[in-house]
Amino acid sequence: MSLLAIFVLAAGTFAFRIAGPLLADRFEFSESVQAWTTHAATVLLAALIATSTLVQDGEFAGWARLGGVGLAVVLVALRAPFPVVVIAAAAATAGLRQLGVG
């Protein structure tokens, strides 16, 4: 990726992020639109998690990754600290791969 593309992407990301706080007072949205945007963000995040968990290079990513993510979900439900969740999920995935789980 060229340096110009990185700067354009960074500028676009910054502009997109700063637009929300700057424009928040200028627009009023109805309750239904606010509820829709809240749900849309949740659905988008769930879709991102599902695709990055289940698919790698257009194919099934394997049961080891799914097991690691499953452990992470359990630890999040138990309100474990974030570093513990990440390290435990990575260790579980690596351990399952060492055991030959694909």
Foldseek 3Di string as FASTA:
>chain_A
DDPVVVVVVVVVVVCVVVCCVVCVVVDDDDPVVVVVVVVVVVVVVVVVVVCVQQDDPRHGPFPLSVVLVVQLVVCVVVVHDPVVSVVSSVVSSVVCVVVVGD
